[in-house]
Amino acid sequence: MTFRDLHFQDSPLLLPNAWDVGSAIAFAAAGFPAIGTTSFGVNAASGRPDAEGASRDATAALVEQLRALPTYISADIENGYSDDPAEVAALVAGLSPDGVNIEDSAGGRLVDPAIPAAKIRAIKQAAPDVFVNARVDSYWFHEDDTVGAVLDRAKAYADAGADCIFLPGAADPATLEQLTAAIQLPVNVLAVSGLTLIDLWNLGVRRVSTGSLPYRAAIDAAVNVATALRDGRDIPSATSYAESQQRLLDFALRADSD
């Protein structure tokens, strides 16, 4: 089964997003067939704000390391880190991931859809087998967030060769149903509070990403361990050191054999 095939099953593809090798190893150990990276988590791990283009080198290094995992890897490349479609295409071809996310915003604002469309077209020419998830940030930034405007952007990216349309921030069931009915490609959303995977499937969603939620939850969990000790509460349980170490040993063995 290919990465593309995972988007055409009897339930949505749930794609957990990793921010480092350790988190990706844990997701793979939990049985997920595909893992995405998260630009927020990768940036935060380096002490940088998200969506400023600072994650390029760290993301490239992470994708290279994750080749040792027996999973598909989709890279979050923000807006491609360049306005030059050829440069974006060369980056993707060099990374050679199974998929990429590319967004249609910069500096917290939407850009002319012709700009990401040109990047998508260049990516598909340079790396035709890479599954391109075109992110429409209308709902994320509450800008041009009408169904008609979102569909116009989705069509531009589909016409450019995108394989999937990502609608972060889209959460209203009725709106999702309208969008998925009109978009001919698989639709990806972030996890929606109150809606199960089956609920989202019934609304036409074919891929659900966790985004930066696991990273943020992990930070909360780490703080909770320390505050539990400080405040005399029960210490939370966790995967044992021995099991965590064995996962790393197994990963290192696979990486060395590649």
C-alpha atoms as a PDB file:
ATOM      1  CA  MET A   1       0.000   0.000   0.000  1.00  0.00           C
ATOM      2  CA  THR A   2       1.418   3.380  -1.009  1.00  0.00           C
ATOM      3  CA  PHE A   3       1.175   6.640   0.892  1.00  0.00           C
ATOM      4  CA  ARG A   4      -1.422   7.756  -1.641  1.00  0.00           C
ATOM      5  CA  ASP A   5      -3.430   4.571  -1.049  1.00  0.00           C
ATOM      6  CA  LEU A   6      -3.690   5.427   2.655  1.00  0.00           C
ATOM      7  CA  HIS A   7      -5.947   8.338   1.671  1.00  0.00           C
ATOM      8  CA  PHE A   8      -8.498   6.011   0.045  1.00  0.00           C
ATOM      9  CA  GLN A   9      -9.440   3.551   2.760  1.00  0.00           C
ATOM     10  CA  ASP A  10     -12.587   2.926   4.793  1.00  0.00           C
ATOM     11  CA  SER A  11     -11.652   5.498   7.441  1.00  0.00           C
ATOM     12  CA  PRO A  12      -9.553   8.669   7.482  1.00  0.00           C
ATOM     13  CA  LEU A  13      -5.785   8.428   7.516  1.00  0.00           C
ATOM     14  CA  LEU A  14      -4.750   9.623  10.963  1.00  0.00           C
ATOM     15  CA  LEU A  15      -1.380  11.305  10.550  1.00  0.00           C
ATOM     16  CA  PRO A  16       0.470  12.055  13.819  1.00  0.00           C
ATOM     17  CA  ASN A  17       2.994  14.870  13.564  1.00  0.00           C
ATOM     18  CA  ALA A  18       6.462  14.421  15.052  1.00  0.00           C
ATOM     19  CA  TRP A  19       8.928  17.114  16.007  1.00  0.00           C
ATOM     20  CA  ASP A  20      12.040  14.973  16.537  1.00  0.00           C
ATOM     21  CA  VAL A  21      13.333  11.440  16.097  1.00  0.00           C
ATOM     22  CA  GLY A  22      12.144  10.311  19.525  1.00  0.00           C
ATOM     23  CA  SER A  23       8.542  11.340  18.934  1.00  0.00           C
ATOM     24  CA  ALA A  24       8.563   9.755  15.466  1.00  0.00           C
ATOM     25  CA  ILE A  25       9.944   6.498  16.861  1.00  0.00           C
ATOM     26  CA  ALA A  26       7.139   6.461  19.446  1.00  0.00           C
ATOM     27  CA  PHE A  27       4.477   7.012  16.774  1.00  0.00           C
ATOM     28  CA  ALA A  28       5.948   4.228  14.653  1.00  0.00           C
ATOM     29  CA  ALA A  29       6.014   1.914  17.677  1.00  0.00           C
ATOM     30  CA  ALA A  30       2.312   2.671  18.192  1.00  0.00           C
ATOM     31  CA  GLY A  31       1.616   1.266  14.737  1.00  0.00           C
ATOM     32  CA  PHE A  32       1.028   4.384  12.632  1.00  0.00           C
ATOM     33  CA  PRO A  33       1.852   3.636   8.970  1.00  0.00           C
ATOM     34  CA  ALA A  34       2.667   7.264   8.160  1.00  0.00           C
ATOM     35  CA  ILE A  35       4.080  10.159  10.155  1.00  0.00           C
ATOM     36  CA  GLY A  36       4.212  13.864   9.371  1.00  0.00           C
ATOM     37  CA  THR A  37       6.550  16.481  10.724  1.00  0.00           C
ATOM     38  CA  THR A  38       5.238  19.625  12.404  1.00  0.00           C
ATOM     39  CA  SER A  39       6.870  22.940  11.617  1.00  0.00           C
ATOM     40  CA  PHE A  40       5.648  24.353  14.935  1.00  0.00           C
ATOM     41  CA  GLY A  41       7.243  21.534  16.917  1.00  0.00           C
ATOM     42  CA  VAL A  42      10.466  21.584  14.903  1.00  0.00           C
ATOM     43  CA  ASN A  43      10.733  25.358  15.299  1.00  0.00           C
ATOM     44  CA  ALA A  44       9.854  25.267  18.997  1.00  0.00           C
ATOM     45  CA  ALA A  45      12.500  22.604  19.669  1.00  0.00           C
ATOM     46  CA  SER A  46      15.036  25.115  18.313  1.00  0.00           C
ATOM     47  CA  GLY A  47      13.545  28.052  20.202  1.00  0.00           C
ATOM     48  CA  ARG A  48      12.170  29.736  17.104  1.00  0.00           C
ATOM     49  CA  PRO A  49       8.619  30.976  16.361  1.00  0.00           C
ATOM     50  CA  ASP A  50       6.657  29.076  13.735  1.00  0.00           C
ATOM     51  CA  ALA A  51       6.016  30.179  10.146  1.00  0.00           C
ATOM     52  CA  GLU A  52       9.138  32.330   9.804  1.00  0.00           C
ATOM     53  CA  GLY A  53      11.037  29.944   7.560  1.00  0.00           C
ATOM     54  CA  ALA A  54      13.514  28.911  10.249  1.00  0.00           C
ATOM     55  CA  SER A  55      12.665  25.203  10.144  1.00  0.00           C
ATOM     56  CA  ARG A  56      14.161  24.445   6.727  1.00  0.00           C
ATOM     57  CA  ASP A  57      17.479  22.913   7.810  1.00  0.00           C
ATOM     58  CA  ALA A  58      16.041  21.189  10.882  1.00  0.00           C
ATOM     59  CA  THR A  59      13.197  19.699   8.852  1.00  0.00           C
ATOM     60  CA  ALA A  60      15.591  18.486   6.155  1.00  0.00           C
ATOM     61  CA  ALA A  61      17.797  16.861   8.786  1.00  0.00           C
ATOM     62  CA  LEU A  62      14.802  15.264  10.509  1.00  0.00           C
ATOM     63  CA  VAL A  63      13.385  13.843   7.273  1.00  0.00           C
ATOM     64  CA  GLU A  64      16.790  12.359   6.458  1.00  0.00           C
ATOM     65  CA  GLN A  65      16.981  10.689   9.885  1.00  0.00           C
ATOM     66  CA  LEU A  66      13.441   9.334   9.684  1.00  0.00           C
ATOM     67  CA  ARG A  67      14.197   7.349   6.525  1.00  0.00           C
ATOM     68  CA  ALA A  68      15.229   4.536   8.900  1.00  0.00           C
ATOM     69  CA  LEU A  69      11.659   4.143  10.150  1.00  0.00           C
ATOM     70  CA  PRO A  70       9.355   1.580   8.500  1.00  0.00           C
ATOM     71  CA  THR A  71       6.741   4.293   7.857  1.00  0.00           C
ATOM     72  CA  TYR A  72       5.862   6.849   5.228  1.00  0.00           C
ATOM     73  CA  ILE A  73       7.095  10.363   5.979  1.00  0.00           C
ATOM     74  CA  SER A  74       5.359  13.609   5.030  1.00  0.00           C
ATOM     75  CA  ALA A  75       7.340  16.809   5.533  1.00  0.00           C
ATOM     76  CA  ASP A  76       5.828  20.112   6.640  1.00  0.00           C
ATOM     77  CA  ILE A  77       7.800  22.624   4.576  1.00  0.00           C
ATOM     78  CA  GLU A  78       5.800  25.719   5.616  1.00  0.00           C
ATOM     79  CA  ASN A  79       5.471  27.780   2.405  1.00  0.00           C
ATOM     80  CA  GLY A  80       8.469  26.114   0.774  1.00  0.00           C
ATOM     81  CA  TYR A  81      10.956  28.577   2.307  1.00  0.00           C
ATOM     82  CA  SER A  82      11.186  30.522  -0.948  1.00  0.00           C
ATOM     83  CA  ASP A  83       9.087  32.498  -3.410  1.00  0.00           C
ATOM     84  CA  ASP A  84      10.945  30.849  -6.295  1.00  0.00           C
ATOM     85  CA  PRO A  85       9.044  27.748  -7.470  1.00  0.00           C
ATOM     86  CA  ALA A  86      12.242  26.198  -8.838  1.00  0.00           C
ATOM     87  CA  GLU A  87      13.955  26.502  -5.453  1.00  0.00           C
ATOM     88  CA  VAL A  88      10.968  24.941  -3.698  1.00  0.00           C
ATOM     89  CA  ALA A  89      10.888  22.090  -6.209  1.00  0.00           C
ATOM     90  CA  ALA A  90      14.614  21.472  -5.801  1.00  0.00           C
ATOM     91  CA  LEU A  91      14.199  21.351  -2.019  1.00  0.00           C
ATOM     92  CA  VAL A  92      11.428  18.759  -2.237  1.00  0.00           C
ATOM     93  CA  ALA A  93      13.280  16.666  -4.810  1.00  0.00           C
ATOM     94  CA  GLY A  94      16.345  16.717  -2.556  1.00  0.00           C
ATOM     95  CA  LEU A  95      14.376  15.729   0.530  1.00  0.00           C
ATOM     96  CA  SER A  96      12.570  12.976  -1.399  1.00  0.00           C
ATOM     97  CA  PRO A  97       9.844  12.477   1.215  1.00  0.00           C
ATOM     98  CA  ASP A  98       6.666  10.515   0.566  1.00  0.00           C
ATOM     99  CA  GLY A  99       4.636  13.696   0.917  1.00  0.00           C
ATOM    100  CA  VAL A 100       4.844  17.394   1.718  1.00  0.00           C
ATOM    101  CA  ASN A 101       2.560  20.041   3.148  1.00  0.00           C
ATOM    102  CA  ILE A 102       2.874  23.447   1.519  1.00  0.00           C
ATOM    103  CA  GLU A 103       0.838  26.402   2.766  1.00  0.00           C
ATOM    104  CA  ASP A 104      -0.608  29.425   0.989  1.00  0.00           C
ATOM    105  CA  SER A 105       0.300  32.045   3.561  1.00  0.00           C
ATOM    106  CA  ALA A 106       3.324  34.038   4.657  1.00  0.00           C
ATOM    107  CA  GLY A 107       3.774  36.242   7.689  1.00  0.00           C
ATOM    108  CA  GLY A 108       0.351  35.299   8.992  1.00  0.00           C
ATOM    109  CA  ARG A 109      -1.502  36.416   5.857  1.00  0.00           C
ATOM    110  CA  LEU A 110      -2.809  34.672   2.766  1.00  0.00           C
ATOM    111  CA  VAL A 111      -0.848  35.159  -0.434  1.00  0.00           C
ATOM    112  CA  ASP A 112      -2.074  35.317  -4.018  1.00  0.00           C
ATOM    113  CA  PRO A 113      -3.081  31.708  -4.834  1.00  0.00           C
ATOM    114  CA  ALA A 114      -1.054  31.898  -8.038  1.00  0.00           C
ATOM    115  CA  ILE A 115       2.109  31.839  -5.901  1.00  0.00           C
ATOM    116  CA  PRO A 116       1.550  28.483  -4.144  1.00  0.00           C
ATOM    117  CA  ALA A 117      -0.006  27.085  -7.337  1.00  0.00           C
ATOM    118  CA  ALA A 118       3.260  27.771  -9.184  1.00  0.00           C
ATOM    119  CA  LYS A 119       5.210  26.035  -6.411  1.00  0.00           C
ATOM    120  CA  ILE A 120       2.910  23.004  -6.509  1.00  0.00           C
ATOM    121  CA  ARG A 121       3.252  22.774 -10.276  1.00  0.00           C
ATOM    122  CA  ALA A 122       7.051  22.924 -10.013  1.00  0.00           C
ATOM    123  CA  ILE A 123       7.131  20.279  -7.270  1.00  0.00           C
ATOM    124  CA  LYS A 124       5.040  17.869  -9.325  1.00  0.00           C
ATOM    125  CA  GLN A 125       7.305  18.385 -12.320  1.00  0.00           C
ATOM    126  CA  ALA A 126      10.491  17.806 -10.314  1.00  0.00           C
ATOM    127  CA  ALA A 127       9.178  15.074  -8.009  1.00  0.00           C
ATOM    128  CA  PRO A 128       5.981  13.625  -9.504  1.00  0.00           C
ATOM    129  CA  ASP A 129       5.708  10.808  -6.961  1.00  0.00           C
ATOM    130  CA  VAL A 130       5.671  13.129  -3.933  1.00  0.00           C
ATOM    131  CA  PHE A 131       2.152  13.464  -2.519  1.00  0.00           C
ATOM    132  CA  VAL A 132       1.457  17.206  -2.287  1.00  0.00           C
ATOM    133  CA  ASN A 133      -0.920  18.331   0.456  1.00  0.00           C
ATOM    134  CA  ALA A 134      -1.897  21.906  -0.429  1.00  0.00           C
ATOM    135  CA  ARG A 135      -2.797  23.889   2.661  1.00  0.00           C
ATOM    136  CA  VAL A 136      -5.506  26.563   2.424  1.00  0.00           C
ATOM    137  CA  ASP A 137      -5.049  28.889   5.405  1.00  0.00           C
ATOM    138  CA  SER A 138      -8.299  30.826   5.059  1.00  0.00           C
ATOM    139  CA  TYR A 139      -9.905  29.392   8.195  1.00  0.00           C
ATOM    140  CA  TRP A 140      -6.607  29.340  10.083  1.00  0.00           C
ATOM    141  CA  PHE A 141      -6.180  33.104   9.740  1.00  0.00           C
ATOM    142  CA  HIS A 142      -9.892  33.996   9.383  1.00  0.00           C
ATOM    143  CA  GLU A 143      -9.173  35.648   6.059  1.00  0.00           C
ATOM    144  CA  ASP A 144     -11.324  35.089   2.947  1.00  0.00           C
ATOM    145  CA  ASP A 145     -12.922  32.304   4.976  1.00  0.00           C
ATOM    146  CA  THR A 146     -16.071  31.809   2.946  1.00  0.00           C
ATOM    147  CA  VAL A 147     -16.850  28.501   1.306  1.00  0.00           C
ATOM    148  CA  GLY A 148     -16.658  30.081  -2.143  1.00  0.00           C
ATOM    149  CA  ALA A 149     -13.248  31.687  -1.557  1.00  0.00           C
ATOM    150  CA  VAL A 150     -11.831  28.488  -0.063  1.00  0.00           C
ATOM    151  CA  LEU A 151     -13.114  26.436  -2.985  1.00  0.00           C
ATOM    152  CA  ASP A 152     -11.509  28.855  -5.442  1.00  0.00           C
ATOM    153  CA  ARG A 153      -8.141  28.363  -3.748  1.00  0.00           C
ATOM    154  CA  ALA A 154      -8.606  24.602  -3.572  1.00  0.00           C
ATOM    155  CA  LYS A 155      -9.397  24.465  -7.294  1.00  0.00           C
ATOM    156  CA  ALA A 156      -6.292  26.497  -8.156  1.00  0.00           C
ATOM    157  CA  TYR A 157      -4.111  24.059  -6.243  1.00  0.00           C
ATOM    158  CA  ALA A 158      -5.882  21.001  -7.617  1.00  0.00           C
ATOM    159  CA  ASP A 159      -5.426  22.331 -11.151  1.00  0.00           C
ATOM    160  CA  ALA A 160      -1.713  22.825 -10.382  1.00  0.00           C
ATOM    161  CA  GLY A 161      -1.376  19.145  -9.483  1.00  0.00           C
ATOM    162  CA  ALA A 162      -2.005  18.951  -5.726  1.00  0.00           C
ATOM    163  CA  ASP A 163      -3.001  15.516  -4.430  1.00  0.00           C
ATOM    164  CA  CYS A 164      -4.847  16.598  -1.286  1.00  0.00           C
ATOM    165  CA  ILE A 165      -6.323  19.806   0.140  1.00  0.00           C
ATOM    166  CA  PHE A 166      -5.549  20.690   3.766  1.00  0.00           C
ATOM    167  CA  LEU A 167      -8.041  22.964   5.564  1.00  0.00           C
ATOM    168  CA  PRO A 168      -6.638  23.716   9.040  1.00  0.00           C
ATOM    169  CA  GLY A 169      -9.147  25.522  11.216  1.00  0.00           C
ATOM    170  CA  ALA A 170     -12.163  24.149   9.361  1.00  0.00           C
ATOM    171  CA  ALA A 171     -14.311  22.593  12.086  1.00  0.00           C
ATOM    172  CA  ASP A 172     -17.981  23.339  11.467  1.00  0.00           C
ATOM    173  CA  PRO A 173     -19.654  20.086  10.323  1.00  0.00           C
ATOM    174  CA  ALA A 174     -21.979  21.730   7.820  1.00  0.00           C
ATOM    175  CA  THR A 175     -19.118  23.704   6.283  1.00  0.00           C
ATOM    176  CA  LEU A 176     -16.909  20.633   6.107  1.00  0.00           C
ATOM    177  CA  GLU A 177     -19.643  18.708   4.358  1.00  0.00           C
ATOM    178  CA  GLN A 178     -20.024  21.472   1.765  1.00  0.00           C
ATOM    179  CA  LEU A 179     -16.293  21.649   1.160  1.00  0.00           C
ATOM    180  CA  THR A 180     -15.635  17.928   0.866  1.00  0.00           C
ATOM    181  CA  ALA A 181     -18.583  17.521  -1.497  1.00  0.00           C
ATOM    182  CA  ALA A 182     -17.173  20.188  -3.817  1.00  0.00           C
ATOM    183  CA  ILE A 183     -13.447  19.314  -3.628  1.00  0.00           C
ATOM    184  CA  GLN A 184     -12.590  16.357  -5.831  1.00  0.00           C
ATOM    185  CA  LEU A 185      -9.365  15.554  -3.976  1.00  0.00           C
ATOM    186  CA  PRO A 186      -9.014  14.006  -0.496  1.00  0.00           C
ATOM    187  CA  VAL A 187      -9.554  16.642   2.192  1.00  0.00           C
ATOM    188  CA  ASN A 188      -7.290  16.886   5.237  1.00  0.00           C
ATOM    189  CA  VAL A 189      -8.226  18.668   8.468  1.00  0.00           C
ATOM    190  CA  LEU A 190      -6.715  19.029  11.906  1.00  0.00           C
ATOM    191  CA  ALA A 191      -8.278  17.006  14.697  1.00  0.00           C
ATOM    192  CA  VAL A 192     -11.591  18.606  15.659  1.00  0.00           C
ATOM    193  CA  SER A 193     -12.718  18.614  19.279  1.00  0.00           C
ATOM    194  CA  GLY A 194     -16.021  16.777  19.638  1.00  0.00           C
ATOM    195  CA  LEU A 195     -15.758  14.971  16.288  1.00  0.00           C
ATOM    196  CA  THR A 196     -14.427  11.422  16.049  1.00  0.00           C
ATOM    197  CA  LEU A 197     -12.573  10.036  13.056  1.00  0.00           C
ATOM    198  CA  ILE A 198     -15.776   8.324  11.961  1.00  0.00           C
ATOM    199  CA  ASP A 199     -17.698  11.600  12.332  1.00  0.00           C
ATOM    200  CA  LEU A 200     -15.154  13.296  10.086  1.00  0.00           C
ATOM    201  CA  TRP A 201     -15.252  10.402   7.624  1.00  0.00           C
ATOM    202  CA  ASN A 202     -19.012  10.764   7.364  1.00  0.00           C
ATOM    203  CA  LEU A 203     -18.486  14.457   6.601  1.00  0.00           C
ATOM    204  CA  GLY A 204     -16.208  13.509   3.700  1.00  0.00           C
ATOM    205  CA  VAL A 205     -12.812  14.034   5.376  1.00  0.00           C
ATOM    206  CA  ARG A 206     -10.137  11.572   4.272  1.00  0.00           C
ATOM    207  CA  ARG A 207      -7.104  12.610   6.342  1.00  0.00           C
ATOM    208  CA  VAL A 208      -6.789  13.960   9.878  1.00  0.00           C
ATOM    209  CA  SER A 209      -3.556  15.483  11.174  1.00  0.00           C
ATOM    210  CA  THR A 210      -2.613  16.089  14.777  1.00  0.00           C
ATOM    211  CA  GLY A 211      -0.550  19.170  13.920  1.00  0.00           C
ATOM    212  CA  SER A 212       1.362  20.615  16.854  1.00  0.00           C
ATOM    213  CA  LEU A 213      -1.045  19.142  19.431  1.00  0.00           C
ATOM    214  CA  PRO A 214       1.229  16.205  20.420  1.00  0.00           C
ATOM    215  CA  TYR A 215       4.170  18.570  20.923  1.00  0.00           C
ATOM    216  CA  ARG A 216       2.126  20.937  23.062  1.00  0.00           C
ATOM    217  CA  ALA A 217       0.607  18.050  25.030  1.00  0.00           C
ATOM    218  CA  ALA A 218       4.082  16.586  25.587  1.00  0.00           C
ATOM    219  CA  ILE A 219       5.293  19.888  27.008  1.00  0.00           C
ATOM    220  CA  ASP A 220       2.275  19.979  29.323  1.00  0.00           C
ATOM    221  CA  ALA A 221       2.971  16.388  30.399  1.00  0.00           C
ATOM    222  CA  ALA A 222       6.617  17.182  31.140  1.00  0.00           C
ATOM    223  CA  VAL A 223       5.619  20.138  33.298  1.00  0.00           C
ATOM    224  CA  ASN A 224       3.026  17.969  35.025  1.00  0.00           C
ATOM    225  CA  VAL A 225       5.728  15.468  36.076  1.00  0.00           C
ATOM    226  CA  ALA A 226       7.782  18.204  37.676  1.00  0.00           C
ATOM    227  CA  THR A 227       4.856  19.907  39.373  1.00  0.00           C
ATOM    228  CA  ALA A 228       3.522  16.560  40.647  1.00  0.00           C
ATOM    229  CA  LEU A 229       6.840  15.940  42.376  1.00  0.00           C
ATOM    230  CA  ARG A 230       6.953  19.487  43.711  1.00  0.00           C
ATOM    231  CA  ASP A 231       3.372  19.422  44.966  1.00  0.00           C
ATOM    232  CA  GLY A 232       3.356  15.916  46.430  1.00  0.00           C
ATOM    233  CA  ARG A 233       0.958  14.424  43.882  1.00  0.00           C
ATOM    234  CA  ASP A 234       1.258  10.949  42.380  1.00  0.00           C
ATOM    235  CA  ILE A 235       3.949  10.726  39.721  1.00  0.00           C
ATOM    236  CA  PRO A 236       2.441  10.060  36.267  1.00  0.00           C
ATOM    237  CA  SER A 237       3.328   6.755  34.636  1.00  0.00           C
ATOM    238  CA  ALA A 238       5.376   6.606  31.439  1.00  0.00           C
ATOM    239  CA  THR A 239       6.998   4.190  29.019  1.00  0.00           C
ATOM    240  CA  SER A 240       9.886   2.549  30.843  1.00  0.00           C
ATOM    241  CA  TYR A 241      13.473   3.611  30.341  1.00  0.00           C
ATOM    242  CA  ALA A 242      14.309   0.089  29.157  1.00  0.00           C
ATOM    243  CA  GLU A 243      11.639   0.117  26.450  1.00  0.00           C
ATOM    244  CA  SER A 244      12.523   3.632  25.349  1.00  0.00           C
ATOM    245  CA  GLN A 245      16.194   2.688  25.153  1.00  0.00           C
ATOM    246  CA  GLN A 246      15.421  -0.444  23.142  1.00  0.00           C
ATOM    247  CA  ARG A 247      13.447   1.585  20.615  1.00  0.00           C
ATOM    248  CA  LEU A 248      16.468   3.836  20.154  1.00  0.00           C
ATOM    249  CA  LEU A 249      18.831   0.870  19.822  1.00  0.00           C
ATOM    250  CA  ASP A 250      16.571  -0.688  17.196  1.00  0.00           C
ATOM    251  CA  PHE A 251      16.315   2.598  15.333  1.00  0.00           C
ATOM    252  CA  ALA A 252      20.099   3.091  15.376  1.00  0.00           C
ATOM    253  CA  LEU A 253      20.568  -0.422  14.016  1.00  0.00           C
ATOM    254  CA  ARG A 254      18.179   0.247  11.137  1.00  0.00           C
ATOM    255  CA  ALA A 255      19.776   3.615  10.423  1.00  0.00           C
ATOM    256  CA  ASP A 256      23.266   2.087  10.341  1.00  0.00           C
ATOM    257  CA  SER A 257      22.133  -0.649   7.961  1.00  0.00           C
ATOM    258  CA  ASP A 258      20.587   1.763   5.449  1.00  0.00           C
END
